[in-house]
Amino acid sequence: MKKLIASALLVASAATASAQIQTIDFKSSVRDNFGLGVGITADLTDNIEFSPSASYYFAGNSITNLQAEADFHYKFDLGDDFTLFPLIGAGLDYDNTKDSHSDCNFLLNMGCGLKKQFTETLAGFVECKYQWIGGHGHDGAYLTAGVKLAL
């Protein structure tokens, strides 16, 4: 399973290397806890974006939660600088408790988002995702909001 995940991340990295990075993304997420993250967005085609990111969730004193995700967006231009995008992705969820028990699980995302282009170099976005995490019951929906800074 770990070899499959590593292979998938390698393919995703190769896809990003051949694409042009468009933005650096800063985001915050709310689910049963609060998280902060950073990522990039790269155009693969006119309508498909690749968006890998890493997030840290403030899960309390007893646990550390990190996630690395790689999402694909299919863009629909709505006019007036709005873009709607359904998304699907995969990643890894890492939990580490104070009693030194750690757990790394595969995750799947699906959802949708909306981006508003404010200026040529600044956009805001919101995403609503359902996330399935293998190995434990942290599945659920969450909301993300953030900004995109063009390079």
N, C-alpha and C. Protein backbone atom coordinates (compact mmCIF):
# COMPACT_ATOMS: atom_id res chain seq x y z
N MET A 1 0.83 -1.19 0.00
CA MET A 1 0.00 0.00 0.00
C MET A 1 0.87 1.26 0.00
N LYS A 2 1.95 1.26 0.81
CA LYS A 2 2.82 2.42 0.87
C LYS A 2 3.51 2.65 -0.48
N LYS A 3 3.86 1.57 -1.18
CA LYS A 3 4.48 1.72 -2.50
C LYS A 3 3.50 2.31 -3.50
N LEU A 4 2.22 1.94 -3.40
CA LEU A 4 1.20 2.49 -4.28
C LEU A 4 1.03 3.99 -4.04
N ILE A 5 0.99 4.39 -2.78
CA ILE A 5 0.85 5.81 -2.43
C ILE A 5 2.07 6.58 -2.89
N ALA A 6 3.26 6.04 -2.65
CA ALA A 6 4.48 6.72 -3.09
C ALA A 6 4.52 6.86 -4.61
N SER A 7 4.07 5.83 -5.32
CA SER A 7 4.02 5.89 -6.79
C SER A 7 3.05 6.96 -7.27
N ALA A 8 1.88 7.04 -6.62
CA ALA A 8 0.89 8.04 -7.00
C ALA A 8 1.42 9.45 -6.76
N LEU A 9 2.11 9.66 -5.63
CA LEU A 9 2.68 10.98 -5.36
C LEU A 9 3.80 11.32 -6.34
N LEU A 10 4.57 10.33 -6.78
CA LEU A 10 5.62 10.55 -7.77
C LEU A 10 5.02 10.97 -9.10
N VAL A 11 3.94 10.31 -9.52
CA VAL A 11 3.27 10.67 -10.78
C VAL A 11 2.70 12.08 -10.67
N ALA A 12 2.10 12.41 -9.53
CA ALA A 12 1.55 13.76 -9.33
C ALA A 12 2.66 14.81 -9.38
N SER A 13 3.82 14.50 -8.80
CA SER A 13 4.95 15.43 -8.84
C SER A 13 5.45 15.63 -10.27
N ALA A 14 5.49 14.57 -11.04
CA ALA A 14 5.93 14.68 -12.44
C ALA A 14 4.95 15.52 -13.24
N ALA A 15 3.66 15.37 -12.97
CA ALA A 15 2.65 16.18 -13.67
C ALA A 15 2.84 17.65 -13.35
N THR A 16 3.14 17.96 -12.09
CA THR A 16 3.35 19.35 -11.70
C THR A 16 4.62 19.91 -12.34
N ALA A 17 5.65 19.10 -12.44
CA ALA A 17 6.91 19.57 -13.02
C ALA A 17 6.73 20.00 -14.47
N SER A 18 5.84 19.33 -15.19
CA SER A 18 5.62 19.69 -16.59
C SER A 18 4.58 20.78 -16.75
N ALA A 19 3.90 21.15 -15.68
CA ALA A 19 2.88 22.20 -15.73
C ALA A 19 3.48 23.52 -15.28
N GLN A 20 2.77 24.59 -15.55
CA GLN A 20 3.22 25.90 -15.12
C GLN A 20 2.51 26.28 -13.83
N ILE A 21 3.28 26.55 -12.78
CA ILE A 21 2.70 26.93 -11.50
C ILE A 21 2.10 28.33 -11.64
N GLN A 22 0.83 28.46 -11.28
CA GLN A 22 0.12 29.72 -11.42
C GLN A 22 0.07 30.52 -10.12
N THR A 23 -0.21 29.83 -8.99
CA THR A 23 -0.41 30.55 -7.74
C THR A 23 0.20 29.81 -6.55
N ILE A 24 0.44 30.57 -5.49
CA ILE A 24 0.73 30.03 -4.17
C ILE A 24 -0.53 30.25 -3.36
N ASP A 25 -1.00 29.20 -2.68
CA ASP A 25 -2.27 29.25 -1.97
C ASP A 25 -2.05 29.20 -0.47
N PHE A 26 -2.72 30.08 0.26
CA PHE A 26 -2.73 30.09 1.72
C PHE A 26 -4.16 29.86 2.16
N LYS A 27 -4.38 28.90 3.08
CA LYS A 27 -5.75 28.53 3.41
C LYS A 27 -5.91 28.18 4.88
N SER A 28 -7.16 28.26 5.32
CA SER A 28 -7.54 27.79 6.64
C SER A 28 -8.74 26.87 6.47
N SER A 29 -8.81 25.84 7.31
CA SER A 29 -9.87 24.84 7.20
C SER A 29 -10.55 24.66 8.55
N VAL A 30 -11.86 24.40 8.47
CA VAL A 30 -12.64 24.16 9.68
C VAL A 30 -13.37 22.85 9.51
N ARG A 31 -13.16 21.94 10.43
CA ARG A 31 -13.93 20.70 10.54
C ARG A 31 -14.16 20.50 12.03
N ASP A 32 -13.83 19.38 12.64
CA ASP A 32 -13.96 19.28 14.10
C ASP A 32 -12.80 19.97 14.80
N ASN A 33 -11.83 20.48 14.03
CA ASN A 33 -10.74 21.29 14.55
C ASN A 33 -10.36 22.31 13.47
N PHE A 34 -9.38 23.15 13.77
CA PHE A 34 -8.97 24.24 12.87
C PHE A 34 -7.60 23.93 12.28
N GLY A 35 -7.42 24.22 10.98
CA GLY A 35 -6.14 23.95 10.34
C GLY A 35 -5.68 25.10 9.47
N LEU A 36 -4.37 25.18 9.26
CA LEU A 36 -3.75 26.14 8.36
C LEU A 36 -2.92 25.39 7.34
N GLY A 37 -2.91 25.88 6.10
CA GLY A 37 -2.17 25.18 5.07
C GLY A 37 -1.60 26.09 4.02
N VAL A 38 -0.73 25.50 3.20
CA VAL A 38 -0.11 26.20 2.08
C VAL A 38 -0.02 25.22 0.92
N GLY A 39 -0.14 25.73 -0.28
CA GLY A 39 -0.05 24.87 -1.46
C GLY A 39 0.26 25.68 -2.70
N ILE A 40 0.21 25.01 -3.83
CA ILE A 40 0.38 25.67 -5.12
C ILE A 40 -0.75 25.20 -6.04
N THR A 41 -0.96 25.95 -7.09
CA THR A 41 -1.91 25.54 -8.13
C THR A 41 -1.20 25.66 -9.46
N ALA A 42 -1.29 24.59 -10.26
CA ALA A 42 -0.66 24.56 -11.58
C ALA A 42 -1.70 24.16 -12.61
N ASP A 43 -1.68 24.85 -13.76
CA ASP A 43 -2.56 24.50 -14.87
C ASP A 43 -1.98 23.33 -15.63
N LEU A 44 -2.77 22.25 -15.77
CA LEU A 44 -2.36 21.12 -16.60
C LEU A 44 -2.89 21.28 -18.02
N THR A 45 -4.13 21.76 -18.14
CA THR A 45 -4.75 22.09 -19.43
C THR A 45 -5.52 23.39 -19.22
N ASP A 46 -6.26 23.82 -20.23
CA ASP A 46 -7.06 25.04 -20.08
C ASP A 46 -8.09 24.92 -18.96
N ASN A 47 -8.63 23.72 -18.73
CA ASN A 47 -9.71 23.55 -17.75
C ASN A 47 -9.32 22.73 -16.52
N ILE A 48 -8.15 22.11 -16.51
CA ILE A 48 -7.78 21.23 -15.40
C ILE A 48 -6.59 21.82 -14.65
N GLU A 49 -6.75 21.92 -13.32
CA GLU A 49 -5.68 22.40 -12.44
C GLU A 49 -5.25 21.26 -11.52
N PHE A 50 -3.99 21.29 -11.13
CA PHE A 50 -3.45 20.38 -10.13
C PHE A 50 -3.08 21.22 -8.92
N SER A 51 -3.54 20.82 -7.73
CA SER A 51 -3.36 21.65 -6.55
C SER A 51 -2.89 20.83 -5.35
N PRO A 52 -1.58 20.60 -5.22
CA PRO A 52 -1.07 19.91 -4.02
C PRO A 52 -0.96 20.90 -2.86
N SER A 53 -1.13 20.39 -1.64
CA SER A 53 -1.03 21.26 -0.46
C SER A 53 -0.66 20.44 0.77
N ALA A 54 -0.25 21.15 1.81
CA ALA A 54 0.05 20.55 3.11
C ALA A 54 -0.65 21.39 4.17
N SER A 55 -1.24 20.73 5.17
CA SER A 55 -1.97 21.42 6.22
C SER A 55 -1.62 20.85 7.59
N TYR A 56 -1.64 21.73 8.58
CA TYR A 56 -1.46 21.33 9.98
C TYR A 56 -2.76 21.65 10.70
N TYR A 57 -3.28 20.67 11.45
CA TYR A 57 -4.52 20.86 12.19
C TYR A 57 -4.22 20.93 13.68
N PHE A 58 -4.79 21.93 14.33
CA PHE A 58 -4.62 22.14 15.76
C PHE A 58 -5.65 21.26 16.47
N ALA A 59 -5.25 20.04 16.78
CA ALA A 59 -6.18 19.05 17.30
C ALA A 59 -6.12 18.92 18.82
N GLY A 60 -5.46 19.83 19.50
CA GLY A 60 -5.38 19.76 20.95
C GLY A 60 -4.00 19.35 21.43
N ASN A 61 -3.86 19.22 22.73
CA ASN A 61 -2.56 18.93 23.33
C ASN A 61 -2.09 17.50 23.11
N SER A 62 -3.03 16.59 22.85
CA SER A 62 -2.65 15.19 22.83
C SER A 62 -2.35 14.64 21.45
N ILE A 63 -2.52 15.43 20.40
CA ILE A 63 -2.37 14.87 19.06
C ILE A 63 -1.82 15.91 18.09
N THR A 64 -1.01 15.46 17.15
CA THR A 64 -0.54 16.27 16.04
C THR A 64 -1.17 15.69 14.78
N ASN A 65 -1.73 16.52 13.94
CA ASN A 65 -2.36 16.04 12.71
C ASN A 65 -1.82 16.84 11.53
N LEU A 66 -1.20 16.14 10.58
CA LEU A 66 -0.69 16.74 9.35
C LEU A 66 -1.33 16.04 8.17
N GLN A 67 -1.59 16.80 7.10
CA GLN A 67 -2.14 16.21 5.89
C GLN A 67 -1.40 16.75 4.68
N ALA A 68 -1.10 15.85 3.75
CA ALA A 68 -0.57 16.21 2.43
C ALA A 68 -1.60 15.74 1.42
N GLU A 69 -2.08 16.67 0.57
CA GLU A 69 -3.15 16.35 -0.37
C GLU A 69 -2.74 16.77 -1.78
N ALA A 70 -3.31 16.11 -2.75
CA ALA A 70 -3.13 16.46 -4.15
C ALA A 70 -4.50 16.40 -4.82
N ASP A 71 -5.06 17.56 -5.13
CA ASP A 71 -6.39 17.64 -5.73
C ASP A 71 -6.31 18.05 -7.19
N PHE A 72 -7.28 17.59 -7.96
CA PHE A 72 -7.46 18.02 -9.34
C PHE A 72 -8.77 18.79 -9.43
N HIS A 73 -8.74 19.95 -10.10
CA HIS A 73 -9.92 20.79 -10.27
C HIS A 73 -10.28 20.84 -11.75
N TYR A 74 -11.57 20.78 -12.05
CA TYR A 74 -12.05 21.02 -13.41
C TYR A 74 -12.79 22.34 -13.38
N LYS A 75 -12.28 23.36 -14.10
CA LYS A 75 -12.78 24.74 -13.99
C LYS A 75 -13.93 25.03 -14.96
N PHE A 76 -14.95 25.70 -14.40
CA PHE A 76 -16.05 26.25 -15.20
C PHE A 76 -16.08 27.75 -14.99
N ASP A 77 -15.86 28.53 -16.04
CA ASP A 77 -15.89 29.98 -15.95
C ASP A 77 -17.34 30.44 -15.85
N LEU A 78 -17.66 31.17 -14.78
CA LEU A 78 -19.02 31.66 -14.57
C LEU A 78 -19.20 33.12 -14.97
N GLY A 79 -18.14 33.77 -15.43
CA GLY A 79 -18.21 35.20 -15.75
C GLY A 79 -18.01 36.04 -14.51
N ASP A 80 -17.83 37.34 -14.70
CA ASP A 80 -17.60 38.28 -13.59
C ASP A 80 -16.48 37.83 -12.67
N ASP A 81 -15.44 37.20 -13.23
CA ASP A 81 -14.25 36.76 -12.50
C ASP A 81 -14.53 35.64 -11.49
N PHE A 82 -15.62 34.90 -11.66
CA PHE A 82 -15.92 33.75 -10.81
C PHE A 82 -15.63 32.46 -11.57
N THR A 83 -15.07 31.48 -10.86
CA THR A 83 -14.81 30.16 -11.42
C THR A 83 -15.32 29.10 -10.44
N LEU A 84 -16.12 28.18 -10.94
CA LEU A 84 -16.60 27.05 -10.16
C LEU A 84 -15.75 25.84 -10.51
N PHE A 85 -15.39 25.03 -9.51
CA PHE A 85 -14.59 23.85 -9.82
C PHE A 85 -14.96 22.66 -8.92
N PRO A 86 -15.45 21.57 -9.53
CA PRO A 86 -15.52 20.32 -8.78
C PRO A 86 -14.10 19.81 -8.59
N LEU A 87 -13.87 19.05 -7.53
CA LEU A 87 -12.52 18.57 -7.26
C LEU A 87 -12.54 17.14 -6.78
N ILE A 88 -11.43 16.47 -7.03
CA ILE A 88 -11.21 15.12 -6.53
C ILE A 88 -9.72 15.01 -6.25
N GLY A 89 -9.38 14.27 -5.21
CA GLY A 89 -7.97 14.16 -4.87
C GLY A 89 -7.68 13.05 -3.89
N ALA A 90 -6.41 12.93 -3.58
CA ALA A 90 -5.94 11.90 -2.65
C ALA A 90 -4.79 12.48 -1.83
N GLY A 91 -4.41 11.77 -0.79
CA GLY A 91 -3.31 12.25 0.02
C GLY A 91 -3.02 11.33 1.18
N LEU A 92 -2.28 11.87 2.15
CA LEU A 92 -1.90 11.15 3.35
C LEU A 92 -2.30 11.95 4.58
N ASP A 93 -2.77 11.24 5.61
CA ASP A 93 -3.14 11.84 6.89
C ASP A 93 -2.23 11.23 7.96
N TYR A 94 -1.51 12.08 8.70
CA TYR A 94 -0.58 11.61 9.72
C TYR A 94 -1.04 12.11 11.08
N ASP A 95 -1.24 11.20 12.02
CA ASP A 95 -1.60 11.53 13.40
C ASP A 95 -0.50 11.02 14.31
N ASN A 96 -0.14 11.83 15.31
CA ASN A 96 0.84 11.42 16.30
C ASN A 96 0.34 11.88 17.67
N THR A 97 0.16 10.95 18.59
CA THR A 97 -0.31 11.29 19.93
C THR A 97 0.85 11.44 20.89
N LYS A 98 0.59 12.04 22.06
CA LYS A 98 1.64 12.24 23.06
C LYS A 98 2.21 10.93 23.58
N ASP A 99 1.42 9.86 23.54
CA ASP A 99 1.93 8.56 24.00
C ASP A 99 2.73 7.84 22.91
N SER A 100 3.20 8.60 21.92
CA SER A 100 4.07 8.13 20.83
C SER A 100 3.40 7.13 19.89
N HIS A 101 2.09 7.10 19.88
CA HIS A 101 1.38 6.28 18.90
C HIS A 101 1.17 7.12 17.64
N SER A 102 1.70 6.65 16.53
CA SER A 102 1.51 7.39 15.28
C SER A 102 0.77 6.52 14.28
N ASP A 103 0.09 7.20 13.37
CA ASP A 103 -0.75 6.52 12.40
C ASP A 103 -0.71 7.32 11.11
N CYS A 104 -0.45 6.66 9.99
CA CYS A 104 -0.45 7.32 8.69
C CYS A 104 -1.44 6.58 7.79
N ASN A 105 -2.42 7.31 7.27
CA ASN A 105 -3.48 6.70 6.49
C ASN A 105 -3.68 7.41 5.16
N PHE A 106 -4.14 6.66 4.18
CA PHE A 106 -4.51 7.18 2.87
C PHE A 106 -5.82 7.94 3.01
N LEU A 107 -5.99 9.02 2.23
CA LEU A 107 -7.25 9.76 2.25
C LEU A 107 -7.70 10.07 0.83
N LEU A 108 -9.00 10.23 0.67
CA LEU A 108 -9.61 10.64 -0.59
C LEU A 108 -10.48 11.86 -0.35
N ASN A 109 -10.43 12.81 -1.28
CA ASN A 109 -11.25 14.03 -1.23
C ASN A 109 -12.18 14.09 -2.42
N MET A 110 -13.37 14.65 -2.20
CA MET A 110 -14.21 15.06 -3.31
C MET A 110 -15.06 16.21 -2.82
N GLY A 111 -15.34 17.13 -3.73
CA GLY A 111 -16.11 18.29 -3.34
C GLY A 111 -16.17 19.31 -4.46
N CYS A 112 -16.35 20.56 -4.07
CA CYS A 112 -16.40 21.64 -5.06
C CYS A 112 -15.88 22.92 -4.43
N GLY A 113 -15.56 23.87 -5.30
CA GLY A 113 -15.04 25.14 -4.83
C GLY A 113 -15.47 26.27 -5.73
N LEU A 114 -15.27 27.47 -5.23
CA LEU A 114 -15.59 28.69 -5.97
C LEU A 114 -14.44 29.66 -5.78
N LYS A 115 -13.94 30.22 -6.89
CA LYS A 115 -12.84 31.19 -6.85
C LYS A 115 -13.32 32.52 -7.40
N LYS A 116 -12.93 33.61 -6.75
CA LYS A 116 -13.23 34.97 -7.21
C LYS A 116 -11.90 35.67 -7.45
N GLN A 117 -11.67 36.10 -8.69
CA GLN A 117 -10.46 36.83 -9.05
C GLN A 117 -10.67 38.30 -8.71
N PHE A 118 -9.91 38.83 -7.73
CA PHE A 118 -10.05 40.23 -7.33
C PHE A 118 -9.20 41.15 -8.19
N THR A 119 -7.94 40.79 -8.37
CA THR A 119 -7.02 41.54 -9.23
C THR A 119 -6.25 40.52 -10.07
N GLU A 120 -5.33 41.00 -10.87
CA GLU A 120 -4.54 40.10 -11.69
C GLU A 120 -3.69 39.15 -10.85
N THR A 121 -3.32 39.58 -9.63
CA THR A 121 -2.43 38.78 -8.80
C THR A 121 -3.07 38.24 -7.51
N LEU A 122 -4.34 38.53 -7.27
CA LEU A 122 -4.98 38.13 -6.02
C LEU A 122 -6.37 37.55 -6.28
N ALA A 123 -6.62 36.37 -5.70
CA ALA A 123 -7.93 35.74 -5.78
C ALA A 123 -8.28 35.14 -4.42
N GLY A 124 -9.55 35.04 -4.16
CA GLY A 124 -10.03 34.36 -2.96
C GLY A 124 -10.75 33.09 -3.37
N PHE A 125 -10.81 32.11 -2.47
CA PHE A 125 -11.51 30.87 -2.81
C PHE A 125 -12.12 30.24 -1.58
N VAL A 126 -13.16 29.45 -1.80
CA VAL A 126 -13.76 28.60 -0.77
C VAL A 126 -13.93 27.21 -1.37
N GLU A 127 -13.78 26.20 -0.54
CA GLU A 127 -13.96 24.81 -0.96
C GLU A 127 -14.76 24.08 0.12
N CYS A 128 -15.63 23.21 -0.31
CA CYS A 128 -16.31 22.30 0.59
C CYS A 128 -15.96 20.89 0.13
N LYS A 129 -15.35 20.11 1.03
CA LYS A 129 -14.88 18.77 0.67
C LYS A 129 -15.47 17.74 1.61
N TYR A 130 -15.69 16.55 1.07
CA TYR A 130 -15.92 15.38 1.90
C TYR A 130 -14.62 14.60 1.85
N GLN A 131 -14.13 14.21 3.01
CA GLN A 131 -12.85 13.52 3.08
C GLN A 131 -13.03 12.16 3.75
N TRP A 132 -12.59 11.13 3.07
CA TRP A 132 -12.58 9.78 3.61
C TRP A 132 -11.14 9.45 3.98
N ILE A 133 -10.94 9.05 5.24
CA ILE A 133 -9.61 8.68 5.71
C ILE A 133 -9.65 7.22 6.12
N GLY A 134 -8.87 6.39 5.44
CA GLY A 134 -8.81 4.96 5.76
C GLY A 134 -8.18 4.72 7.11
N GLY A 135 -8.63 3.69 7.80
CA GLY A 135 -8.00 3.31 9.05
C GLY A 135 -8.66 3.83 10.30
N HIS A 136 -9.42 4.91 10.22
CA HIS A 136 -10.13 5.39 11.41
C HIS A 136 -11.32 6.25 10.99
N GLY A 137 -12.13 6.61 11.94
CA GLY A 137 -13.40 7.26 11.65
C GLY A 137 -13.38 8.77 11.61
N HIS A 138 -12.35 9.38 11.02
CA HIS A 138 -12.32 10.84 10.90
C HIS A 138 -12.91 11.33 9.59
N ASP A 139 -13.73 10.51 8.95
CA ASP A 139 -14.38 10.92 7.71
C ASP A 139 -15.33 12.08 8.01
N GLY A 140 -15.53 12.93 7.00
CA GLY A 140 -16.49 14.00 7.17
C GLY A 140 -16.26 15.14 6.23
N ALA A 141 -17.17 16.08 6.26
CA ALA A 141 -17.10 17.27 5.41
C ALA A 141 -16.36 18.38 6.16
N TYR A 142 -15.71 19.23 5.39
CA TYR A 142 -15.10 20.41 5.99
C TYR A 142 -15.05 21.55 4.99
N LEU A 143 -14.88 22.74 5.51
CA LEU A 143 -14.89 23.97 4.73
C LEU A 143 -13.51 24.60 4.77
N THR A 144 -13.03 25.04 3.61
CA THR A 144 -11.74 25.71 3.49
C THR A 144 -11.94 27.05 2.82
N ALA A 145 -11.24 28.07 3.30
CA ALA A 145 -11.24 29.40 2.69
C ALA A 145 -9.79 29.88 2.61
N GLY A 146 -9.48 30.63 1.55
CA GLY A 146 -8.11 31.09 1.42
C GLY A 146 -7.92 32.11 0.33
N VAL A 147 -6.66 32.44 0.10
CA VAL A 147 -6.27 33.38 -0.95
C VAL A 147 -5.25 32.72 -1.85
N LYS A 148 -5.23 33.15 -3.11
CA LYS A 148 -4.26 32.70 -4.10
C LYS A 148 -3.47 33.91 -4.57
N LEU A 149 -2.16 33.81 -4.50
CA LEU A 149 -1.26 34.87 -4.97
C LEU A 149 -0.57 34.41 -6.23
N ALA A 150 -0.76 35.14 -7.31
CA ALA A 150 -0.17 34.75 -8.60
C ALA A 150 1.34 34.97 -8.58
N LEU A 151 2.04 34.10 -9.29
CA LEU A 151 3.50 34.21 -9.40
C LEU A 151 3.87 35.04 -10.61
